[in-house]
Amino acid sequence: MIDVATTWQQVCEALAGGDYEQAFGVLDAATREAHRPERARLTLLLGSLHALYGDAATTDLGAALREARTIDPSLREDPLYQALMAELDARTRGPDASPPPTAAREAADPLARFHALCALVLMDEGQAALDIHLPASELPEHLRWRLRSWEAEANEGLGQTADAANLYGEAAHLARGLNRAVMLQEQAALQLQLGQADAAKHTLDQARPLYPTRPSAHDAEDAGLNLATWHYLRAQALLNLGQPEAAHDMIREAARLEAQHGDPSYGVALVRGQVLTHLGRQQDALDAFEQALKLATDADRPYANHELGVALLDLDRPVDAREKLEAVLADPEYPYQPEVLADIAECDYRLGRLQEAQLEAEQALAQGAVIPASLVLGSVALDYFQLDEALEHYDRVIREAAPESRDWVTAHQMAADVMAQQGFPDPAAAYAHAQQALAHTPDNDDWHVTLLEHLRKAEALLSQQGGTGGRMLN
């Protein structure tokens, strides 16, 4: 006589240790020996096991559910059956699927509530999923970290990124081995979205030792692709921390692992382009962004076109850049529309269309793209010889840009130059601008000699004035 509860406990123990082969073996052996009612229930539990493999196992999940209801048609009213059917439907039809019934969402069986929650997340019904009462302690060990992962995905879909990052951290705490590494990487990805590069780097530091040095042949592909993701995220963290050379090493390794274990990805190509841009290798960056565009999905294409447009601007190809940027601007869902408008303003400025550039930059500034719009407005004001207005725009960039960033340095360079054109009315401020810019301008840069000259003249004027006066600068 096969006892379903005892069999399921044995299956869960195997799953907790990551032994899926043993879990399937236990279920298979019990199912062959069980009488009809028990066999139907065990087949239903087999469906729960298949569901852990996600979209790759929809055929197996569907087959298990068909077999279970063939053995026992009354299972159609069972909350676990209903929840698994809803998850299968959601994996097949997404938001168009039928939601799990109330009986599944409020079932006494926590396994049914778990799969109902999964179905709702897959349908983009994140809040409904989070409304299901399901303490992790009610679930077997192998589902506890997965519950937190699904809850994290629901929060992420609702725009609650910080909560999602914390939940991925909880999932990592509950998971083991490679699953823990993957959850840590999900957390790091969201920390990067939140601008927490240091935290992301620390999280990735915890994930790396969890990878096996010699994965089994069965696990090698998954481990290799997840390790590629680790290097991809690490590259972003290092780039955001101002370490483009180290980031380049990481993204090259990510590309190598992808080629070894799978296919090139849009994300790796895009980040490679960003890294190469920071290294000043503009043509190589352009090639990487063009590859990213080829690999992009419809949702990713605006991001790739935006990066491509900026890269073309860096290569002083404003006509080509404008074509790419206009394609992005035509997508009303793209979240960085003001920045795109500012980049188009930069294209028009370089093409000598000053009035168009000024109008576009003013619109971009009003919409929140403060730094790129202000740089264009400063350039336009200079061309019109409106020096005071130009200085206001560059001062705004200095206030808003990250210290020591390229835009911050550019603004200091331009502010020093404008004040020199004004005849150094405030030599202390001109000296400070030139000094800040010079500290971050390479010796071989054309600006280096100009800034040294501004510094010398401002210093001479300060000496005549006794070194007093001046305004405070960032």
Protein backbone atom coordinates (compact mmCIF):
# COMPACT_ATOMS: atom_id res chain seq x y z
CA MET A 1 0.00 0.00 0.00
CA ILE A 2 1.52 3.30 -1.12
CA ASP A 3 1.05 6.24 1.24
CA VAL A 4 0.95 9.49 -0.75
CA ALA A 5 2.04 11.72 2.15
CA THR A 6 5.06 9.54 2.96
CA THR A 7 6.06 9.35 -0.70
CA TRP A 8 5.78 13.13 -1.10
CA GLN A 9 7.91 13.64 2.02
CA GLN A 10 10.62 11.44 0.48
CA VAL A 11 10.39 13.39 -2.77
CA CYS A 12 10.71 16.71 -0.90
CA GLU A 13 13.76 15.46 1.00
CA ALA A 14 15.44 14.57 -2.29
CA LEU A 15 14.51 17.95 -3.79
CA ALA A 16 15.84 19.79 -0.73
CA GLY A 17 19.21 18.18 -1.43
CA GLY A 18 19.00 19.05 -5.11
CA ASP A 19 18.67 15.41 -6.19
CA TYR A 20 15.99 15.70 -8.88
CA GLU A 21 16.82 12.29 -10.34
CA GLN A 22 16.06 10.61 -7.03
CA ALA A 23 12.86 12.65 -6.62
CA PHE A 24 11.56 11.54 -10.01
CA GLY A 25 12.64 7.97 -9.24
CA VAL A 26 10.71 7.88 -5.96
CA LEU A 27 7.56 9.23 -7.62
CA ASP A 28 7.85 6.87 -10.57
CA ALA A 29 8.29 3.80 -8.38
CA ALA A 30 5.40 4.77 -6.11
CA THR A 31 3.11 5.57 -9.03
CA ARG A 32 3.68 2.14 -10.61
CA GLU A 33 2.75 0.37 -7.38
CA ALA A 34 -0.12 2.62 -6.24
CA HIS A 35 -3.80 1.89 -6.57
CA ARG A 36 -5.95 4.14 -8.74
CA PRO A 37 -6.83 7.01 -6.30
CA GLU A 38 -3.27 7.23 -4.95
CA ARG A 39 -1.83 6.97 -8.48
CA ALA A 40 -3.93 9.96 -9.58
CA ARG A 41 -2.70 12.06 -6.65
CA LEU A 42 0.94 11.07 -7.24
CA THR A 43 0.62 11.97 -10.92
CA LEU A 44 -0.69 15.37 -9.86
CA LEU A 45 2.36 15.81 -7.59
CA LEU A 46 4.52 14.81 -10.56
CA GLY A 47 2.99 17.82 -12.34
CA SER A 48 4.17 20.05 -9.47
CA LEU A 49 7.66 18.67 -9.92
CA HIS A 50 7.61 19.30 -13.69
CA ALA A 51 6.41 22.87 -13.05
CA LEU A 52 9.72 23.63 -11.31
CA TYR A 53 11.41 23.45 -14.71
CA GLY A 54 9.39 26.40 -15.98
CA ASP A 55 8.58 26.96 -19.64
CA ALA A 56 10.86 24.11 -20.70
CA ALA A 57 8.51 21.56 -19.10
CA THR A 58 5.06 22.74 -20.20
CA THR A 59 4.61 19.61 -22.33
CA ASP A 60 5.46 17.33 -19.39
CA LEU A 61 3.25 19.36 -17.05
CA GLY A 62 0.33 19.16 -19.46
CA ALA A 63 0.81 15.41 -19.89
CA ALA A 64 0.84 14.84 -16.10
CA LEU A 65 -2.36 16.84 -15.66
CA ARG A 66 -4.11 14.94 -18.46
CA GLU A 67 -3.07 11.61 -17.01
CA ALA A 68 -4.17 12.62 -13.50
CA ARG A 69 -7.67 13.62 -14.58
CA THR A 70 -7.96 10.54 -16.79
CA ILE A 71 -7.23 8.33 -13.80
CA ASP A 72 -9.56 10.30 -11.54
CA PRO A 73 -11.91 12.80 -13.25
CA SER A 74 -12.93 14.21 -9.87
CA LEU A 75 -9.48 15.84 -9.60
CA ARG A 76 -10.78 18.63 -11.84
CA GLU A 77 -12.27 20.11 -8.66
CA ASP A 78 -9.06 19.68 -6.66
CA PRO A 79 -7.38 23.04 -5.77
CA LEU A 80 -3.90 21.72 -6.66
CA TYR A 81 -5.11 20.55 -10.07
CA GLN A 82 -6.78 23.93 -10.66
CA ALA A 83 -3.66 25.82 -9.61
CA LEU A 84 -1.39 23.74 -11.85
CA MET A 85 -3.81 24.15 -14.77
CA ALA A 86 -3.74 27.91 -14.20
CA GLU A 87 0.07 27.90 -14.15
CA LEU A 88 0.17 25.87 -17.37
CA ASP A 89 -2.29 28.28 -18.99
CA ALA A 90 -0.26 31.28 -17.79
CA ARG A 91 2.96 29.82 -19.18
CA THR A 92 1.22 29.28 -22.51
CA ARG A 93 -0.87 32.47 -22.84
CA GLY A 94 0.63 34.94 -20.37
CA PRO A 95 -1.71 37.82 -19.40
CA ASP A 96 -4.51 36.31 -21.52
CA ALA A 97 -4.69 33.19 -19.34
CA SER A 98 -7.57 32.44 -17.00
CA PRO A 99 -6.63 33.24 -13.38
CA PRO A 100 -6.65 30.48 -10.76
CA PRO A 101 -10.02 30.19 -9.02
CA THR A 102 -10.56 31.36 -5.46
CA ALA A 103 -10.56 27.74 -4.30
CA ALA A 104 -6.93 27.42 -5.41
CA ARG A 105 -5.85 30.79 -3.99
CA GLU A 106 -7.40 30.06 -0.59
CA ALA A 107 -6.83 26.29 -0.46
CA ALA A 108 -5.86 24.55 2.74
CA ASP A 109 -3.07 22.89 0.74
CA PRO A 110 -0.09 25.31 0.65
CA LEU A 111 1.19 23.61 -2.51
CA ALA A 112 -1.97 24.67 -4.32
CA ARG A 113 -1.60 28.24 -3.08
CA PHE A 114 2.03 28.24 -4.24
CA HIS A 115 1.16 27.26 -7.81
CA ALA A 116 -1.76 29.71 -7.83
CA LEU A 117 0.70 32.45 -6.87
CA CYS A 118 3.07 31.37 -9.66
CA ALA A 119 0.24 31.54 -12.18
CA LEU A 120 -0.72 35.06 -11.13
CA VAL A 121 2.87 36.34 -11.40
CA LEU A 122 3.14 34.81 -14.88
CA MET A 123 -0.05 36.66 -15.80
CA ASP A 124 1.45 39.97 -14.60
CA GLU A 125 -1.06 40.03 -11.75
CA GLY A 126 1.60 40.77 -9.15
CA GLN A 127 -0.61 42.35 -6.52
CA ALA A 128 -3.10 39.46 -6.65
CA ALA A 129 -0.17 37.07 -6.21
CA LEU A 130 1.12 38.96 -3.18
CA ASP A 131 -2.37 38.96 -1.68
CA ILE A 132 -2.24 35.16 -1.35
CA HIS A 133 -1.50 34.23 2.27
CA LEU A 134 1.41 31.80 2.12
CA PRO A 135 4.04 31.75 4.90
CA ALA A 136 7.25 30.11 3.68
CA SER A 137 7.24 27.84 6.73
CA GLU A 138 4.16 26.03 5.35
CA LEU A 139 6.04 24.91 2.24
CA PRO A 140 8.61 22.14 1.83
CA GLU A 141 12.20 23.35 1.84
CA HIS A 142 12.71 23.21 -1.93
CA LEU A 143 9.85 25.68 -2.48
CA ARG A 144 10.70 28.25 0.19
CA TRP A 145 13.39 30.05 -1.77
CA ARG A 146 11.28 29.77 -4.90
CA LEU A 147 8.38 31.45 -3.09
CA ARG A 148 10.59 34.43 -2.24
CA SER A 149 11.83 34.53 -5.83
CA TRP A 150 8.26 34.64 -7.19
CA GLU A 151 7.36 37.33 -4.65
CA ALA A 152 10.42 39.29 -5.76
CA GLU A 153 9.33 39.02 -9.38
CA ALA A 154 5.83 40.23 -8.43
CA ASN A 155 7.27 43.25 -6.61
CA GLU A 156 9.58 44.01 -9.51
CA GLY A 157 6.63 43.98 -11.90
CA LEU A 158 4.86 46.47 -9.63
CA GLY A 159 7.87 48.80 -9.71
CA GLN A 160 8.84 48.03 -6.10
CA THR A 161 12.48 47.44 -6.96
CA ALA A 162 13.98 47.81 -3.49
CA ASP A 163 11.49 45.32 -2.01
CA ALA A 164 12.22 42.92 -4.87
CA ALA A 165 15.98 43.16 -4.23
CA ASN A 166 15.47 42.35 -0.55
CA LEU A 167 13.27 39.37 -1.41
CA TYR A 168 15.91 37.99 -3.75
CA GLY A 169 18.32 38.30 -0.84
CA GLU A 170 15.93 36.25 1.31
CA ALA A 171 15.60 33.71 -1.50
CA ALA A 172 19.39 33.40 -1.63
CA HIS A 173 19.49 32.80 2.13
CA LEU A 174 16.99 29.94 1.75
CA ALA A 175 18.56 28.39 -1.38
CA ARG A 176 21.63 26.22 -1.79
CA GLY A 177 24.53 25.95 -4.21
CA LEU A 178 24.01 27.28 -7.71
CA ASN A 179 20.42 28.30 -6.91
CA ARG A 180 21.76 30.57 -4.19
CA ALA A 181 24.24 32.07 -6.65
CA VAL A 182 21.46 32.77 -9.16
CA MET A 183 19.31 34.46 -6.51
CA LEU A 184 22.25 36.62 -5.42
CA GLN A 185 22.77 37.62 -9.04
CA GLU A 186 19.10 38.58 -9.35
CA GLN A 187 19.56 40.74 -6.27
CA ALA A 188 22.72 42.31 -7.70
CA ALA A 189 20.93 43.12 -10.98
CA LEU A 190 18.29 45.09 -9.08
CA GLN A 191 20.91 46.78 -6.91
CA LEU A 192 22.50 48.00 -10.14
CA GLN A 193 19.12 49.36 -11.25
CA LEU A 194 18.91 51.19 -7.93
CA GLY A 195 22.35 52.74 -8.50
CA GLN A 196 23.92 50.68 -5.71
CA ALA A 197 27.08 49.56 -7.50
CA ASP A 198 29.05 48.90 -4.30
CA ALA A 199 26.25 46.75 -2.88
CA ALA A 200 25.96 44.87 -6.18
CA LYS A 201 29.69 44.16 -6.21
CA HIS A 202 29.50 42.86 -2.63
CA THR A 203 26.53 40.63 -3.51
CA LEU A 204 28.38 39.24 -6.53
CA ASP A 205 31.41 38.56 -4.32
CA GLN A 206 29.16 36.22 -2.31
CA ALA A 207 27.84 34.47 -5.42
CA ARG A 208 31.12 33.59 -7.14
CA PRO A 209 32.42 30.95 -4.67
CA LEU A 210 29.13 29.03 -5.01
CA TYR A 211 29.99 27.89 -8.54
CA PRO A 212 31.45 24.36 -8.73
CA THR A 213 35.01 24.17 -9.99
CA ARG A 214 34.15 21.05 -12.00
CA PRO A 215 30.41 20.96 -12.73
CA SER A 216 28.94 17.66 -13.87
CA ALA A 217 28.27 17.21 -17.58
CA HIS A 218 24.55 17.53 -16.81
CA ASP A 219 25.00 20.88 -15.04
CA ALA A 220 27.85 22.34 -17.12
CA GLU A 221 25.69 24.33 -19.54
CA ASP A 222 23.50 25.91 -16.84
CA ALA A 223 26.52 26.70 -14.68
CA GLY A 224 28.37 28.19 -17.66
CA LEU A 225 25.49 30.45 -18.72
CA ASN A 226 24.85 31.60 -15.15
CA LEU A 227 28.56 32.31 -14.75
CA ALA A 228 28.38 34.38 -17.95
CA THR A 229 25.61 36.39 -16.28
CA TRP A 230 27.81 36.82 -13.20
CA HIS A 231 30.59 38.32 -15.35
CA TYR A 232 28.06 40.50 -17.20
CA LEU A 233 26.73 41.93 -13.92
CA ARG A 234 30.23 42.30 -12.51
CA ALA A 235 31.23 44.31 -15.58
CA GLN A 236 28.34 46.72 -14.97
CA ALA A 237 29.22 47.11 -11.29
CA LEU A 238 32.88 47.83 -12.06
CA LEU A 239 31.97 50.25 -14.85
CA ASN A 240 29.68 52.16 -12.48
CA LEU A 241 32.51 52.24 -9.93
CA GLY A 242 34.82 53.90 -12.47
CA GLN A 243 36.90 50.82 -13.34
CA PRO A 244 36.40 50.39 -17.12
CA GLU A 245 39.57 48.31 -17.65
CA ALA A 246 38.48 45.71 -15.09
CA ALA A 247 34.94 45.88 -16.50
CA HIS A 248 36.35 45.11 -19.95
CA ASP A 249 37.98 41.93 -18.66
CA MET A 250 34.66 40.86 -17.13
CA ILE A 251 32.54 41.50 -20.23
CA ARG A 252 35.03 39.68 -22.47
CA GLU A 253 34.78 36.64 -20.21
CA ALA A 254 31.00 36.88 -20.27
CA ALA A 255 31.07 36.84 -24.07
CA ARG A 256 33.45 33.86 -24.09
CA LEU A 257 31.23 31.84 -21.74
CA GLU A 258 28.14 32.68 -23.79
CA ALA A 259 29.84 31.48 -26.96
CA GLN A 260 30.95 28.28 -25.22
CA HIS A 261 27.63 27.38 -23.59
CA GLY A 262 24.94 29.15 -25.62
CA ASP A 263 24.41 32.07 -27.98
CA PRO A 264 25.55 35.72 -27.94
CA SER A 265 23.12 37.94 -26.05
CA TYR A 266 21.90 41.48 -26.50
CA GLY A 267 22.82 42.41 -22.93
CA VAL A 268 26.46 41.38 -23.14
CA ALA A 269 26.91 43.18 -26.49
CA LEU A 270 25.30 46.34 -25.09
CA VAL A 271 27.45 46.44 -21.95
CA ARG A 272 30.56 45.70 -24.02
CA GLY A 273 29.74 48.80 -26.08
CA GLN A 274 29.28 50.88 -22.93
CA VAL A 275 32.63 49.69 -21.55
CA LEU A 276 34.42 50.43 -24.82
CA THR A 277 32.86 53.90 -24.88
CA HIS A 278 34.36 54.63 -21.45
CA LEU A 279 37.72 53.36 -22.70
CA GLY A 280 37.57 55.85 -25.58
CA ARG A 281 37.40 53.10 -28.21
CA GLN A 282 34.49 54.65 -30.06
CA GLN A 283 34.62 52.64 -33.28
CA ASP A 284 34.79 49.36 -31.35
CA ALA A 285 31.89 50.58 -29.21
CA LEU A 286 29.89 51.32 -32.34
CA ASP A 287 30.48 47.77 -33.60
CA ALA A 288 29.32 46.36 -30.26
CA PHE A 289 26.15 48.48 -30.26
CA GLU A 290 25.39 47.40 -33.82
CA GLN A 291 25.69 43.77 -32.71
CA ALA A 292 23.39 44.53 -29.75
CA LEU A 293 20.84 45.99 -32.16
CA LYS A 294 20.91 42.81 -34.26
CA LEU A 295 20.32 40.69 -31.16
CA ALA A 296 17.70 42.98 -29.60
CA THR A 297 14.07 42.05 -29.10
CA ASP A 298 11.38 44.59 -29.95
CA ALA A 299 11.43 45.74 -26.31
CA ASP A 300 15.22 46.11 -26.28
CA ARG A 301 15.58 47.83 -29.66
CA PRO A 302 15.03 51.43 -28.42
CA TYR A 303 17.80 51.00 -25.84
CA ALA A 304 20.22 49.69 -28.45
CA ASN A 305 19.31 52.47 -30.90
CA HIS A 306 19.84 55.10 -28.19
CA GLU A 307 23.30 53.77 -27.36
CA LEU A 308 24.07 53.55 -31.07
CA GLY A 309 22.97 57.14 -31.59
CA VAL A 310 25.21 58.41 -28.80
CA ALA A 311 28.14 56.36 -30.14
CA LEU A 312 27.64 57.89 -33.58
CA LEU A 313 27.62 61.34 -31.97
CA ASP A 314 30.92 60.50 -30.25
CA LEU A 315 32.29 59.71 -33.72
CA ASP A 316 30.96 63.09 -34.93
CA ARG A 317 28.39 61.56 -37.26
CA PRO A 318 25.36 63.67 -36.30
CA VAL A 319 23.28 62.81 -39.40
CA ASP A 320 23.52 59.05 -38.76
CA ALA A 321 23.07 59.61 -35.03
CA ARG A 322 19.90 61.64 -35.55
CA GLU A 323 18.37 58.85 -37.64
CA LYS A 324 18.84 56.34 -34.82
CA LEU A 325 17.64 58.77 -32.15
CA GLU A 326 14.50 59.70 -34.09
CA ALA A 327 13.60 55.99 -34.20
CA VAL A 328 13.84 55.92 -30.38
CA LEU A 329 11.82 59.11 -29.98
CA ALA A 330 9.04 57.51 -32.01
CA ASP A 331 8.56 54.91 -29.25
CA PRO A 332 6.33 56.53 -26.59
CA GLU A 333 7.06 53.70 -24.12
CA TYR A 334 10.81 54.39 -23.99
CA PRO A 335 11.51 55.75 -20.49
CA TYR A 336 14.40 58.06 -21.45
CA GLN A 337 12.61 60.27 -23.97
CA PRO A 338 13.95 63.55 -22.48
CA GLU A 339 17.53 62.30 -22.80
CA VAL A 340 16.90 61.28 -26.42
CA LEU A 341 15.51 64.74 -27.14
CA ALA A 342 18.64 66.30 -25.63
CA ASP A 343 20.82 64.06 -27.81
CA ILE A 344 18.84 65.10 -30.90
CA ALA A 345 19.44 68.71 -29.84
CA GLU A 346 23.17 67.93 -29.78
CA CYS A 347 22.89 66.51 -33.32
CA ASP A 348 21.17 69.66 -34.56
CA TYR A 349 23.73 71.86 -32.82
CA ARG A 350 26.56 70.06 -34.61
CA LEU A 351 24.66 70.44 -37.88
CA GLY A 352 24.49 74.22 -37.33
CA ARG A 353 20.74 74.27 -36.64
CA LEU A 354 21.01 76.48 -33.59
CA GLN A 355 17.37 77.47 -33.28
CA GLU A 356 16.16 73.87 -33.53
CA ALA A 357 18.85 72.74 -31.08
CA GLN A 358 17.88 75.42 -28.56
CA LEU A 359 14.18 74.59 -28.75
CA GLU A 360 14.78 70.84 -28.37
CA ALA A 361 17.22 71.35 -25.51
CA GLU A 362 14.78 73.64 -23.68
CA GLN A 363 12.07 70.98 -24.03
CA ALA A 364 14.46 68.29 -22.79
CA LEU A 365 15.44 70.47 -19.81
CA ALA A 366 11.79 71.03 -18.91
CA GLN A 367 11.21 67.25 -19.09
CA GLY A 368 14.08 66.48 -16.71
CA ALA A 369 17.16 65.80 -18.86
CA VAL A 370 19.03 68.50 -16.99
CA ILE A 371 22.66 67.64 -17.71
CA PRO A 372 22.67 66.86 -21.48
CA ALA A 373 20.17 69.64 -22.23
CA SER A 374 22.17 72.20 -20.25
CA LEU A 375 25.37 71.30 -22.11
CA VAL A 376 23.65 71.94 -25.45
CA LEU A 377 22.11 75.19 -24.20
CA GLY A 378 25.53 76.30 -23.01
CA SER A 379 27.00 75.64 -26.45
CA VAL A 380 24.17 77.52 -28.18
CA ALA A 381 24.52 80.47 -25.80
CA LEU A 382 28.25 80.62 -26.53
CA ASP A 383 27.62 80.69 -30.27
CA TYR A 384 25.29 83.63 -29.69
CA PHE A 385 28.00 85.15 -27.45
CA GLN A 386 25.60 85.18 -24.47
CA LEU A 387 28.36 84.47 -21.98
CA ASP A 388 26.46 85.02 -18.75
CA GLU A 389 23.70 82.68 -19.90
CA ALA A 390 26.24 80.07 -21.00
CA LEU A 391 27.88 80.22 -17.58
CA GLU A 392 24.51 79.62 -15.90
CA HIS A 393 24.01 76.47 -17.95
CA TYR A 394 27.49 75.12 -17.13
CA ASP A 395 27.04 75.93 -13.44
CA ARG A 396 23.83 73.88 -13.51
CA VAL A 397 25.70 70.91 -14.96
CA ILE A 398 28.36 71.17 -12.25
CA ARG A 399 25.66 71.14 -9.57
CA GLU A 400 23.76 68.19 -11.05
CA ALA A 401 26.46 65.93 -12.52
CA ALA A 402 28.34 63.30 -10.53
CA PRO A 403 31.69 64.72 -9.37
CA GLU A 404 34.57 63.74 -11.66
CA SER A 405 32.19 62.42 -14.35
CA ARG A 406 32.83 63.40 -17.97
CA ASP A 407 29.97 65.93 -17.96
CA TRP A 408 31.19 67.46 -14.68
CA VAL A 409 34.72 67.87 -16.09
CA THR A 410 33.38 69.30 -19.37
CA ALA A 411 31.29 71.85 -17.49
CA HIS A 412 34.27 72.98 -15.42
CA GLN A 413 36.36 73.28 -18.60
CA MET A 414 33.71 75.36 -20.32
CA ALA A 415 33.03 77.52 -17.26
CA ALA A 416 36.74 78.36 -16.98
CA ASP A 417 36.85 79.18 -20.70
CA VAL A 418 33.73 81.38 -20.54
CA MET A 419 35.15 83.34 -17.60
CA ALA A 420 38.37 83.79 -19.52
CA GLN A 421 36.37 85.22 -22.46
CA GLN A 422 34.66 87.56 -19.99
CA GLY A 423 38.04 88.88 -18.91
CA PHE A 424 38.19 87.06 -15.55
CA PRO A 425 35.61 89.15 -13.64
CA ASP A 426 35.91 86.62 -10.79
CA PRO A 427 39.48 85.25 -10.95
CA ALA A 428 39.05 83.05 -7.88
CA ALA A 429 36.08 81.25 -9.46
CA ALA A 430 37.89 80.98 -12.80
CA TYR A 431 40.94 79.58 -11.00
CA ALA A 432 38.79 77.01 -9.17
CA HIS A 433 37.04 75.91 -12.37
CA ALA A 434 40.35 75.53 -14.22
CA GLN A 435 41.91 73.70 -11.29
CA GLN A 436 39.03 71.21 -10.98
CA ALA A 437 39.03 70.54 -14.72
CA LEU A 438 42.81 70.27 -14.97
CA ALA A 439 42.90 67.57 -12.27
CA HIS A 440 40.85 65.31 -14.55
CA THR A 441 42.17 66.33 -17.98
CA PRO A 442 44.97 64.18 -19.49
CA ASP A 443 48.21 65.91 -20.48
CA ASN A 444 47.72 64.98 -24.14
CA ASP A 445 44.24 66.55 -24.25
CA ASP A 446 43.97 69.84 -26.19
CA TRP A 447 42.23 71.32 -23.15
CA HIS A 448 45.29 70.80 -20.96
CA VAL A 449 47.30 73.72 -22.37
CA THR A 450 44.23 75.98 -22.45
CA LEU A 451 43.39 75.26 -18.81
CA LEU A 452 47.00 75.85 -17.73
CA GLU A 453 46.86 79.25 -19.40
CA HIS A 454 43.55 80.11 -17.71
CA LEU A 455 44.99 78.99 -14.39
CA ARG A 456 48.11 81.16 -14.85
CA LYS A 457 46.11 84.28 -15.76
CA ALA A 458 43.59 83.79 -12.93
CA GLU A 459 46.44 83.26 -10.46
CA ALA A 460 48.16 86.44 -11.63
CA LEU A 461 44.96 88.44 -11.14
CA LEU A 462 44.45 86.92 -7.70
CA SER A 463 47.98 87.94 -6.74
CA GLN A 464 47.22 91.52 -7.76
CA GLN A 465 44.05 91.42 -5.64
CA GLY A 466 45.79 89.90 -2.66
CA GLY A 467 44.13 86.49 -3.14
CA THR A 468 40.73 87.55 -1.88
CA GLY A 469 37.22 87.18 -3.28
CA GLY A 470 35.66 84.49 -5.35
CA ARG A 471 32.66 82.21 -5.14
CA MET A 472 32.39 78.73 -3.72
CA LEU A 473 32.40 75.83 -6.21
CA ASN A 474 31.56 72.15 -6.09
